[in-house]
Amino acid sequence: MRTNNPLKLHCYIDASYAVHIDGKGRTGNVVTLGRGSVKNSSTKHNIVTKSSTEAEIVGVSDGLGENLGLMYLMQDQGYDIKPVVLYQDNKSAITLMEKGRSTSRRTKHISVRYFFVKDRIDKEEVKLVYLSTDDMLADFYTKPLQGSLFRRMRDMIKNC
């Protein structure tokens, strides 16, 4: 999803679970301001996660700080761009981040330190929005895409 509003940060953060030989995941992070991306990154997780939901939460936790830094920079320049729109394609991860805690025995192992997103939602600095996997720009940085999907994502990131 692109925007024509040049003063809104849209953040696409996605994670792939256990894609490295050591069992660690990878996070892709794309930030758009207006019609093109201003920040792109792909990083290997520092920890081994136990599920794709946990990998998504770790990815958001690790990537959101820098994205909020961009928002604070814009605010210091006099622009009111709150909230950052954060797109996520994992509904379980969205539920956990909105609640700010584990909701079942299956997710009890997820460290509380990864739930700072809830605090940012409560402060209205972040608006968490579900986005289908087909439209998740950050997938470009987490897994090998092929054919038309690769070309579509590439063109959206490059604003072609």
Protein backbone atom coordinates (compact mmCIF):
# COMPACT_ATOMS: atom_id res chain seq x y z
CA MET A 1 0.00 0.00 0.00
CA ARG A 2 1.41 3.35 -0.98
CA THR A 3 0.41 6.79 0.14
CA ASN A 4 0.46 10.16 -1.55
CA ASN A 5 0.71 11.89 1.83
CA PRO A 6 4.41 12.78 2.11
CA LEU A 7 4.18 13.29 5.87
CA LYS A 8 3.17 9.80 6.97
CA LEU A 9 5.64 7.04 7.75
CA HIS A 10 4.46 3.58 6.68
CA CYS A 11 6.54 0.73 8.11
CA TYR A 12 6.45 -2.79 6.72
CA ILE A 13 8.18 -5.26 9.03
CA ASP A 14 8.19 -8.98 8.33
CA ALA A 15 10.17 -11.90 9.64
CA SER A 16 11.04 -15.34 8.34
CA TYR A 17 11.25 -18.09 10.93
CA ALA A 18 14.37 -20.29 11.23
CA VAL A 19 15.73 -19.63 7.74
CA HIS A 20 19.42 -19.77 8.68
CA ILE A 21 21.47 -22.92 9.27
CA ASP A 22 21.75 -22.03 12.98
CA GLY A 23 17.95 -21.80 13.32
CA LYS A 24 17.81 -18.03 13.52
CA GLY A 25 15.31 -15.96 11.56
CA ARG A 26 15.56 -12.85 9.40
CA THR A 27 13.69 -9.55 9.49
CA GLY A 28 12.93 -7.28 6.57
CA ASN A 29 12.10 -3.64 7.26
CA VAL A 30 10.83 -1.13 4.68
CA VAL A 31 9.85 2.43 5.58
CA THR A 32 8.07 4.67 3.11
CA LEU A 33 7.57 8.41 3.31
CA GLY A 34 5.31 9.44 0.49
CA ARG A 35 5.54 7.20 -2.55
CA GLY A 36 9.00 5.69 -2.18
CA SER A 37 11.03 3.90 0.44
CA VAL A 38 13.44 5.89 2.59
CA LYS A 39 14.79 2.98 4.64
CA ASN A 40 15.31 -0.67 3.76
CA SER A 41 17.04 -3.31 5.80
CA SER A 42 17.43 -7.03 6.17
CA THR A 43 18.88 -8.35 9.43
CA LYS A 44 19.53 -11.72 10.94
CA HIS A 45 17.96 -12.30 14.35
CA ASN A 46 20.27 -12.45 17.37
CA ILE A 47 18.24 -15.26 18.97
CA VAL A 48 16.59 -18.50 17.94
CA THR A 49 12.81 -18.21 18.19
CA LYS A 50 10.38 -21.05 18.78
CA SER A 51 7.63 -20.02 16.34
CA SER A 52 6.86 -17.78 13.39
CA THR A 53 4.74 -15.59 15.69
CA GLU A 54 7.67 -15.09 18.04
CA ALA A 55 9.94 -14.35 15.05
CA GLU A 56 7.50 -11.63 13.91
CA ILE A 57 7.41 -10.06 17.40
CA VAL A 58 11.21 -10.11 17.67
CA GLY A 59 11.47 -8.55 14.20
CA VAL A 60 9.06 -5.75 15.04
CA SER A 61 10.72 -5.13 18.39
CA ASP A 62 14.17 -4.94 16.81
CA GLY A 63 13.11 -2.85 13.80
CA LEU A 64 10.58 -0.44 15.22
CA GLY A 65 13.04 1.57 17.30
CA GLU A 66 14.86 2.97 14.28
CA ASN A 67 11.55 3.65 12.55
CA LEU A 68 10.33 5.62 15.57
CA GLY A 69 13.62 7.51 15.41
CA LEU A 70 12.64 8.69 11.93
CA MET A 71 9.29 9.88 13.30
CA TYR A 72 11.02 11.77 16.14
CA LEU A 73 13.40 13.39 13.63
CA MET A 74 10.45 14.57 11.53
CA GLN A 75 8.71 15.89 14.65
CA ASP A 76 11.85 17.81 15.63
CA GLN A 77 11.70 19.41 12.17
CA GLY A 78 8.17 20.64 12.95
CA TYR A 79 6.09 17.98 11.20
CA ASP A 80 3.23 16.26 13.01
CA ILE A 81 3.29 12.78 11.51
CA LYS A 82 2.09 10.60 14.39
CA PRO A 83 1.28 7.79 14.36
CA VAL A 84 3.69 5.62 12.42
CA VAL A 85 1.61 3.07 10.50
CA LEU A 86 3.06 -0.39 11.14
CA TYR A 87 1.98 -3.16 8.78
CA GLN A 88 2.14 -6.76 9.95
CA ASP A 89 0.97 -9.94 8.20
CA ASN A 90 0.75 -12.27 11.20
CA LYS A 91 -2.57 -11.98 13.05
CA SER A 92 -1.29 -13.88 16.10
CA ALA A 93 1.62 -11.48 16.43
CA ILE A 94 -0.75 -8.50 16.09
CA THR A 95 -2.94 -9.85 18.90
CA LEU A 96 0.04 -10.37 21.20
CA MET A 97 1.53 -6.94 20.45
CA GLU A 98 -1.81 -5.21 21.04
CA LYS A 99 -2.29 -6.99 24.38
CA GLY A 100 1.34 -6.55 25.41
CA ARG A 101 1.62 -9.98 26.97
CA SER A 102 1.29 -13.67 26.35
CA THR A 103 -2.28 -14.88 25.96
CA SER A 104 -1.82 -18.64 26.15
CA ARG A 105 0.51 -21.44 27.23
CA ARG A 106 1.78 -21.71 23.65
CA THR A 107 3.19 -18.17 23.77
CA LYS A 108 4.23 -17.99 27.43
CA HIS A 109 7.90 -18.38 26.42
CA ILE A 110 8.00 -15.08 24.53
CA SER A 111 10.04 -12.58 26.50
CA VAL A 112 8.27 -9.55 27.91
CA ARG A 113 11.04 -7.34 26.55
CA TYR A 114 9.63 -7.74 23.05
CA PHE A 115 6.30 -6.18 23.95
CA PHE A 116 7.36 -2.53 24.02
CA VAL A 117 5.14 -2.12 20.94
CA LYS A 118 2.09 -2.10 23.24
CA ASP A 119 3.47 0.96 25.03
CA ARG A 120 3.92 2.76 21.69
CA ILE A 121 0.38 1.86 20.63
CA ASP A 122 -0.97 3.23 23.92
CA LYS A 123 0.99 6.46 23.39
CA GLU A 124 -0.55 6.69 19.88
CA GLU A 125 2.90 6.72 18.29
CA VAL A 126 2.18 3.49 16.40
CA LYS A 127 -0.91 2.29 14.61
CA LEU A 128 -0.73 -1.48 14.01
CA VAL A 129 -2.47 -2.60 10.81
CA TYR A 130 -2.91 -6.07 9.31
CA LEU A 131 -1.65 -6.40 5.74
CA SER A 132 -1.85 -9.60 3.72
CA THR A 133 1.37 -11.40 2.88
CA ASP A 134 0.83 -10.66 -0.82
CA ASP A 135 1.25 -6.93 -0.11
CA MET A 136 3.98 -7.11 2.55
CA LEU A 137 6.89 -5.13 1.07
CA ALA A 138 9.29 -6.41 3.72
CA ASP A 139 8.99 -9.93 2.25
CA PHE A 140 11.40 -8.64 -0.38
CA TYR A 141 14.11 -8.72 2.31
CA THR A 142 13.22 -11.95 4.11
CA LYS A 143 12.83 -14.61 1.43
CA PRO A 144 13.60 -15.21 -2.22
CA LEU A 145 10.72 -13.96 -4.37
CA GLN A 146 10.29 -14.96 -7.98
CA GLY A 147 8.65 -13.71 -11.14
CA SER A 148 5.86 -11.18 -11.05
CA LEU A 149 5.81 -10.97 -7.23
CA PHE A 150 9.51 -10.04 -7.20
CA ARG A 151 9.01 -7.41 -9.91
CA ARG A 152 5.92 -5.92 -8.21
CA MET A 153 7.64 -5.62 -4.82
CA ARG A 154 10.82 -4.21 -6.39
CA ASP A 155 8.86 -1.61 -8.31
CA MET A 156 6.88 -0.54 -5.24
CA ILE A 157 10.04 -0.16 -3.16
CA LYS A 158 11.78 1.82 -5.92
CA ASN A 159 8.62 3.83 -6.73
CA CYS A 160 8.68 2.76 -10.38
